[in-house]
Protein backbone atom coordinates (compact mmCIF):
# COMPACT_ATOMS: atom_id res chain seq x y z
CA MET A 1 0.01 -0.02 -0.02
CA PRO A 2 2.73 2.73 0.90
CA LEU A 3 4.64 1.53 -2.28
CA CYS A 4 1.53 2.02 -4.36
CA ILE A 5 0.89 5.47 -2.89
CA PHE A 6 4.49 6.51 -3.56
CA LEU A 7 4.35 5.22 -7.16
CA GLY A 8 1.15 7.22 -7.57
CA LEU A 9 2.77 10.42 -6.29
CA ALA A 10 5.78 9.98 -8.56
CA SER A 11 4.00 9.14 -11.87
CA GLY A 12 2.20 11.42 -14.07
CA ALA A 13 2.67 13.82 -17.01
CA ILE A 14 5.74 15.16 -15.12
CA PRO A 15 7.54 12.22 -13.59
CA LEU A 16 9.15 12.86 -10.18
CA SER A 17 12.28 11.22 -8.66
CA SER A 18 12.00 9.62 -5.15
CA THR A 19 13.89 12.73 -3.99
CA ASP A 20 11.37 15.06 -5.37
CA VAL A 21 8.39 13.03 -4.03
CA ILE A 22 9.92 13.22 -0.42
CA ASP A 23 10.89 16.89 -0.92
CA GLY A 24 7.32 17.67 -2.17
CA LEU A 25 5.64 15.67 0.79
CA LEU A 26 7.98 17.52 3.31
CA HIS A 27 7.24 20.99 1.82
CA THR A 28 3.46 20.07 1.75
CA LEU A 29 3.43 19.05 5.35
CA SER A 30 5.29 22.19 6.27
CA GLY A 31 2.93 24.44 4.35
CA ASP A 32 5.62 25.55 1.94
CA ALA A 33 4.49 25.49 -1.74
CA SER A 34 7.33 27.28 -3.17
CA SER A 35 8.88 24.27 -5.12
CA GLN A 36 7.48 22.74 -8.33
CA SER A 37 7.46 19.27 -6.49
CA ALA A 38 5.51 20.62 -3.66
CA VAL A 39 2.83 22.19 -6.10
CA ILE A 40 2.57 19.02 -8.03
CA ILE A 41 2.51 16.62 -4.99
CA GLY A 42 0.55 18.91 -2.47
CA GLN A 43 -2.08 20.42 -4.78
CA LEU A 44 -2.51 17.84 -7.58
CA ARG A 45 -1.40 14.23 -6.66
CA LEU A 46 -1.76 13.82 -2.99
CA PRO A 47 -5.43 14.40 -2.75
CA ARG A 48 -5.95 12.36 -5.87
CA VAL A 49 -4.07 9.33 -4.60
CA LEU A 50 -5.55 9.53 -1.18
CA LEU A 51 -9.10 9.83 -2.74
CA ALA A 52 -8.45 6.80 -4.78
CA ALA A 53 -7.38 4.82 -1.67
CA VAL A 54 -10.49 5.76 0.20
CA MET A 55 -13.05 5.17 -2.70
CA GLY A 56 -11.26 1.89 -3.63
CA ALA A 57 -11.35 0.59 -0.12
CA THR A 58 -15.11 1.57 -0.04
CA LEU A 59 -15.90 -0.21 -3.32
CA GLY A 60 -13.85 -3.33 -2.50
CA MET A 61 -15.47 -3.64 1.00
CA SER A 62 -18.87 -3.01 -0.18
CA GLY A 63 -18.46 -5.68 -2.99
CA ALA A 64 -17.41 -8.22 -0.24
CA ALA A 65 -20.55 -7.43 1.90
CA MET A 66 -22.90 -7.75 -1.05
CA GLN A 67 -21.33 -11.09 -2.26
CA GLY A 68 -21.84 -12.25 1.39
CA LEU A 69 -25.34 -10.95 1.59
CA PHE A 70 -26.47 -12.51 -1.78
CA ARG A 71 -24.28 -15.66 -1.07
CA ASN A 72 -22.81 -15.37 -4.69
CA PRO A 73 -19.20 -14.44 -5.62
CA LEU A 74 -20.47 -12.84 -8.81
CA ALA A 75 -22.61 -10.26 -6.85
CA ASP A 76 -21.75 -6.55 -7.14
CA PRO A 77 -22.72 -3.43 -5.13
CA SER A 78 -24.56 -2.08 -8.12
CA LEU A 79 -27.13 -5.05 -8.04
CA ILE A 80 -29.02 -2.89 -5.48
CA GLY A 81 -29.46 -0.11 -7.98
CA VAL A 82 -27.31 2.54 -6.41
CA THR A 83 -24.88 3.01 -9.39
CA ALA A 84 -27.76 3.46 -11.84
CA GLY A 85 -29.63 5.68 -9.62
CA ALA A 86 -26.51 7.79 -8.94
CA SER A 87 -25.85 8.12 -12.63
CA LEU A 88 -29.47 9.20 -13.31
CA GLY A 89 -29.16 11.83 -10.51
CA ALA A 90 -26.01 13.17 -11.93
CA ALA A 91 -27.44 13.30 -15.52
CA LEU A 92 -30.58 14.97 -14.41
CA VAL A 93 -28.28 17.73 -12.71
CA ILE A 94 -26.24 18.10 -15.83
CA VAL A 95 -29.18 18.25 -18.16
CA SER A 96 -31.00 20.75 -16.15
CA GLY A 97 -28.11 23.17 -16.36
CA SER A 98 -27.49 23.02 -12.60
CA GLY A 99 -24.17 21.25 -12.99
CA TYR A 100 -22.30 24.43 -13.61
CA LEU A 101 -23.10 25.77 -10.09
CA GLN A 102 -21.26 25.15 -7.06
CA GLY A 103 -22.58 22.95 -4.20
CA TYR A 104 -21.49 22.84 -0.56
CA LEU A 105 -18.51 21.90 1.14
CA GLY A 106 -16.43 21.88 -2.08
CA LEU A 107 -18.90 19.36 -3.88
CA SER A 108 -20.66 20.22 -7.14
CA LEU A 109 -24.39 19.85 -7.52
CA ILE A 110 -23.67 16.97 -9.71
CA SER A 111 -22.06 15.11 -6.82
CA ILE A 112 -24.96 15.96 -4.63
CA GLY A 113 -27.50 14.86 -7.23
CA ALA A 114 -25.65 11.65 -7.74
CA PHE A 115 -25.67 10.63 -4.13
CA THR A 116 -29.46 11.70 -3.83
CA GLY A 117 -30.16 9.45 -6.82
CA GLY A 118 -28.21 6.50 -5.55
CA VAL A 119 -29.99 6.63 -2.20
CA ILE A 120 -33.45 7.02 -3.59
CA ALA A 121 -32.93 4.05 -6.04
CA VAL A 122 -31.83 1.87 -3.11
CA LEU A 123 -34.90 3.00 -0.94
CA PHE A 124 -37.13 1.86 -3.86
CA VAL A 125 -35.27 -1.53 -4.27
CA TYR A 126 -35.52 -2.13 -0.49
CA ARG A 127 -39.11 -1.23 -0.38
CA LEU A 128 -40.01 -3.43 -3.27
CA ALA A 129 -38.18 -6.34 -1.61
CA SER A 130 -39.75 -6.03 1.73
CA SER A 131 -43.02 -7.51 3.06
CA GLY A 132 -44.62 -8.72 6.13
CA ASN A 133 -42.49 -11.78 6.07
CA GLY A 134 -39.22 -9.84 5.86
CA THR A 135 -36.87 -8.91 3.06
CA SER A 136 -36.26 -11.42 0.28
CA VAL A 137 -32.71 -11.49 -1.17
CA ALA A 138 -34.09 -12.93 -4.43
CA THR A 139 -36.75 -10.30 -4.77
CA MET A 140 -34.15 -7.64 -3.83
CA LEU A 141 -31.94 -8.87 -6.68
CA LEU A 142 -34.98 -8.58 -9.13
CA ALA A 143 -35.92 -5.25 -7.82
CA GLY A 144 -32.57 -4.04 -8.24
CA ILE A 145 -32.36 -5.20 -11.85
CA ALA A 146 -35.67 -3.43 -12.54
CA ILE A 147 -34.70 -0.27 -10.95
CA THR A 148 -31.38 -0.22 -12.76
CA ALA A 149 -33.21 -0.78 -16.12
CA LEU A 150 -35.60 2.10 -15.30
CA ALA A 151 -32.86 4.36 -14.24
CA GLY A 152 -31.07 3.54 -17.43
CA ALA A 153 -34.05 4.24 -19.67
CA LEU A 154 -34.67 7.55 -17.84
CA GLY A 155 -31.06 8.49 -18.28
CA SER A 156 -31.14 7.57 -22.10
CA LEU A 157 -34.28 9.92 -22.26
CA LEU A 158 -32.32 12.74 -20.57
CA GLU A 159 -29.39 12.19 -23.09
CA PHE A 160 -31.83 12.34 -26.01
CA PHE A 161 -32.68 15.83 -25.10
CA ALA A 162 -29.27 16.92 -24.01
CA ASP A 163 -26.93 18.99 -26.18
CA ASN A 164 -23.45 17.97 -27.28
CA GLU A 165 -21.72 19.67 -24.29
CA MET A 166 -24.07 17.97 -21.70
CA LEU A 167 -23.64 14.55 -23.55
CA ARG A 168 -19.91 14.80 -23.25
CA ARG A 169 -20.19 15.65 -19.41
CA ILE A 170 -22.62 12.67 -18.89
CA SER A 171 -20.25 10.45 -20.90
CA LEU A 172 -17.28 11.58 -18.72
CA TRP A 173 -19.10 11.11 -15.51
CA LYS A 174 -20.13 7.65 -16.45
CA MET A 175 -16.55 6.74 -17.23
CA GLY A 176 -15.27 7.76 -13.81
CA GLY A 177 -12.39 9.72 -12.90
CA LEU A 178 -10.27 11.25 -10.15
CA ASP A 179 -9.26 14.53 -11.96
CA GLY A 180 -11.65 16.60 -9.71
CA ALA A 181 -9.85 15.47 -6.50
CA ASN A 182 -9.31 18.24 -3.97
CA TYR A 183 -8.90 18.49 -0.13
CA PRO A 184 -12.61 19.43 0.54
CA ARG A 185 -13.83 16.43 -1.55
CA LEU A 186 -11.20 14.21 0.14
CA PHE A 187 -12.30 15.22 3.53
CA MET A 188 -15.85 14.61 2.81
CA ALA A 189 -15.32 11.17 1.16
CA SER A 190 -13.00 10.27 4.17
CA ALA A 191 -15.67 11.18 6.71
CA VAL A 192 -18.49 9.31 5.08
CA SER A 193 -16.55 6.30 3.84
CA GLY A 194 -14.65 6.04 6.98
CA ILE A 195 -17.81 5.55 8.90
CA VAL A 196 -18.79 2.82 6.39
CA LEU A 197 -15.36 1.08 6.47
CA ILE A 198 -15.73 0.97 10.33
CA ALA A 199 -19.43 -0.23 10.29
CA LEU A 200 -19.36 -2.98 7.70
CA PRO A 201 -16.70 -5.21 9.52
CA ARG A 202 -19.06 -5.35 12.61
CA TYR A 203 -21.50 -7.54 10.49
CA ALA A 204 -18.58 -10.12 9.60
CA SER A 205 -19.92 -12.80 11.95
CA ALA A 206 -23.42 -12.25 10.63
CA LEU A 207 -22.30 -12.54 7.15
CA ASN A 208 -20.36 -15.79 7.97
CA ALA A 209 -23.53 -17.18 9.46
CA LEU A 210 -25.59 -16.23 6.43
CA LEU A 211 -23.29 -18.30 4.17
CA LEU A 212 -25.00 -21.35 5.79
CA GLY A 213 -28.42 -20.03 4.79
CA GLU A 214 -30.92 -17.65 6.39
CA SER A 215 -32.70 -20.34 8.46
CA GLU A 216 -29.26 -21.59 9.85
CA ALA A 217 -28.38 -17.95 10.75
CA ARG A 218 -31.60 -17.38 12.60
CA HIS A 219 -30.94 -20.68 14.65
CA LEU A 220 -27.57 -19.15 15.41
CA GLY A 221 -29.33 -16.05 16.95
CA ILE A 222 -28.73 -13.62 13.84
CA ASP A 223 -31.46 -11.02 13.39
CA VAL A 224 -31.30 -11.52 9.63
CA ASN A 225 -33.77 -8.80 8.45
CA ARG A 226 -31.96 -6.35 10.51
CA VAL A 227 -28.57 -7.37 9.15
CA LYS A 228 -29.98 -7.15 5.68
CA MET A 229 -31.29 -3.74 6.24
CA ALA A 230 -28.14 -2.46 7.83
CA LEU A 231 -25.83 -3.97 5.01
CA ILE A 232 -28.10 -2.40 2.26
CA ILE A 233 -27.98 0.98 4.12
CA TRP A 234 -24.14 1.09 4.58
CA VAL A 235 -23.37 -0.25 1.10
CA ALA A 236 -25.79 2.29 -0.42
CA ILE A 237 -24.00 5.09 1.45
CA GLY A 238 -20.60 3.93 0.60
CA VAL A 239 -21.15 3.28 -3.20
CA GLY A 240 -23.31 6.34 -3.49
CA THR A 241 -20.47 8.32 -1.99
CA SER A 242 -18.04 6.87 -4.50
CA VAL A 243 -20.13 7.66 -7.48
CA ALA A 244 -20.81 11.06 -6.23
CA MET A 245 -17.11 11.74 -5.79
CA VAL A 246 -15.38 9.95 -8.73
CA GLY A 247 -18.18 8.81 -11.02
CA THR A 248 -18.78 5.25 -11.87
CA ILE A 249 -15.93 3.01 -11.39
CA ALA A 250 -16.59 -0.52 -12.77
CA PHE A 251 -15.70 -4.03 -11.50
CA VAL A 252 -13.60 -2.92 -8.27
CA GLY A 253 -16.65 -4.13 -6.12
CA LEU A 254 -16.77 -7.39 -8.14
CA VAL A 255 -13.15 -8.42 -8.93
CA VAL A 256 -11.42 -7.48 -5.58
CA PRO A 257 -13.56 -9.42 -3.18
CA HIS A 258 -13.38 -12.49 -5.29
CA MET A 259 -9.72 -12.47 -5.75
CA VAL A 260 -9.16 -11.91 -1.98
CA ARG A 261 -11.57 -14.74 -1.37
CA MET A 262 -9.53 -17.17 -3.47
CA LEU A 263 -6.35 -16.12 -1.58
CA ILE A 264 -7.55 -16.01 2.15
CA GLY A 265 -10.81 -17.78 2.16
CA PRO A 266 -14.43 -16.82 2.98
CA ASN A 267 -14.14 -15.82 6.48
CA HIS A 268 -15.54 -12.22 6.52
CA ASN A 269 -13.58 -11.27 9.66
CA PHE A 270 -10.52 -11.28 7.28
CA LEU A 271 -12.28 -10.84 4.00
CA LEU A 272 -13.97 -7.50 4.51
CA PRO A 273 -10.72 -5.64 5.64
CA ALA A 274 -8.48 -7.32 3.09
CA SER A 275 -10.98 -6.52 0.23
CA GLY A 276 -11.03 -2.87 1.46
CA LEU A 277 -7.17 -2.88 1.41
CA ALA A 278 -7.07 -4.54 -2.04
CA GLY A 279 -9.53 -2.16 -3.48
CA ALA A 280 -7.47 0.79 -2.42
CA ILE A 281 -4.32 -0.68 -4.13
CA LEU A 282 -6.35 -1.56 -7.25
CA LEU A 283 -7.87 1.80 -7.62
CA ILE A 284 -4.40 3.68 -7.01
CA ILE A 285 -2.80 1.51 -9.67
CA ALA A 286 -5.57 2.07 -12.12
CA ASP A 287 -5.57 5.84 -11.53
CA THR A 288 -1.79 5.91 -11.98
CA LEU A 289 -2.07 4.01 -15.23
CA SER A 290 -4.79 6.44 -16.57
CA ARG A 291 -2.21 9.21 -15.81
CA ILE A 292 0.77 7.75 -17.59
CA LEU A 293 -0.50 5.54 -20.47
CA ILE A 294 -1.15 8.42 -22.96
CA ALA A 295 0.36 11.34 -21.01
CA PRO A 296 -0.16 14.25 -20.94
CA THR A 297 -3.70 13.24 -21.67
CA GLU A 298 -5.59 11.27 -18.95
CA LEU A 299 -7.76 8.26 -19.46
CA PRO A 300 -10.91 7.94 -17.39
CA VAL A 301 -10.00 5.72 -14.47
CA GLY A 302 -13.38 3.66 -15.02
CA ILE A 303 -11.87 2.42 -18.43
CA ILE A 304 -8.76 1.03 -16.82
CA THR A 305 -10.81 -0.78 -14.05
CA ALA A 306 -13.08 -2.23 -16.66
CA ILE A 307 -10.14 -3.31 -18.97
CA ILE A 308 -8.67 -5.09 -15.93
CA GLY A 309 -12.10 -6.43 -14.70
CA VAL A 310 -13.68 -7.75 -17.86
CA PRO A 311 -11.02 -10.46 -18.61
CA PHE A 312 -11.16 -11.57 -14.97
CA PHE A 313 -14.85 -11.62 -15.01
CA ILE A 314 -14.79 -13.72 -18.09
CA SER A 315 -12.36 -16.18 -16.45
CA LEU A 316 -14.69 -16.41 -13.56
CA LEU A 317 -17.61 -17.38 -15.64
CA ARG A 318 -15.54 -19.98 -17.50
CA ASN A 319 -14.29 -21.50 -14.33
CA ARG A 320 -17.29 -20.95 -11.99
CA HIS A 321 -17.58 -24.60 -11.11
CA HIS A 322 -14.15 -24.39 -9.55
CA TYR A 323 -15.14 -21.78 -7.10
CA GLY A 324 -18.40 -23.22 -6.00
CA MET A 325 -20.50 -20.35 -7.37
CA GLN A 326 -24.40 -20.68 -7.13
CA GLY A 327 -26.60 -20.57 -10.38
């Protein structure tokens, strides 16, 4: 992890030596921005790398929690509709013309709209999946697919009426990127995601029990419905924050937990924190690649994670019988 952060700070359109990185960090910590390395490190790369770490950890741990909840290694946080809802919220703000206005605490109104859209979508999914008998995971999955499709259709309708500039902004948003990283955004993301990263590991034992089945978990004294609700809420907050801050980042929540599970096993006491750490490392590496592959032009980081994730996803599908997947 420290090595990845160091490489992220050193890499970019202007490569920096190890001495320059250390010098830039020391000047940044002392509040001195007189040198070029201090400006590059302190104002551009440090908030970006740290935001990548926070958002990657959030996506990785959220993915592990969702795979445990659905008892399927191919589950993804987007299954509950949060990503599609957030994308719709962002598109609505952009098309309405409000995306050019500044929001609060350093966040744009696009970010606020994305977070709101993600939360609303999850509330719909949870309401559809809930009944007097509790919350059905299978119904939640189907409701998530339906809400995702609806949000996608409404988003396409907005794009139909958008002009070229709006279409470009929506497209770039959907590709994901950390180019808008700054300290106010980093602090806000760290505050919200930090709570999520602390809260989710508290449900590790419950997730381990759920691996045996809901009936068995109830016999072990787990309040299954309360655990489901709590996990959905925390994942919605975490993923909604991620989409609001950096746009849509594909495959981190799917690929990272599965890789970690193959390495250390399914025990969520270790799987959740390890998935968070691996997610942070993956997103830092992906962002570093996005800055250096065709420098000085930056690729959207969502493209890099998709390029990494799709071949792995295909390999999972081809070898699913080796990993004990359901379905």
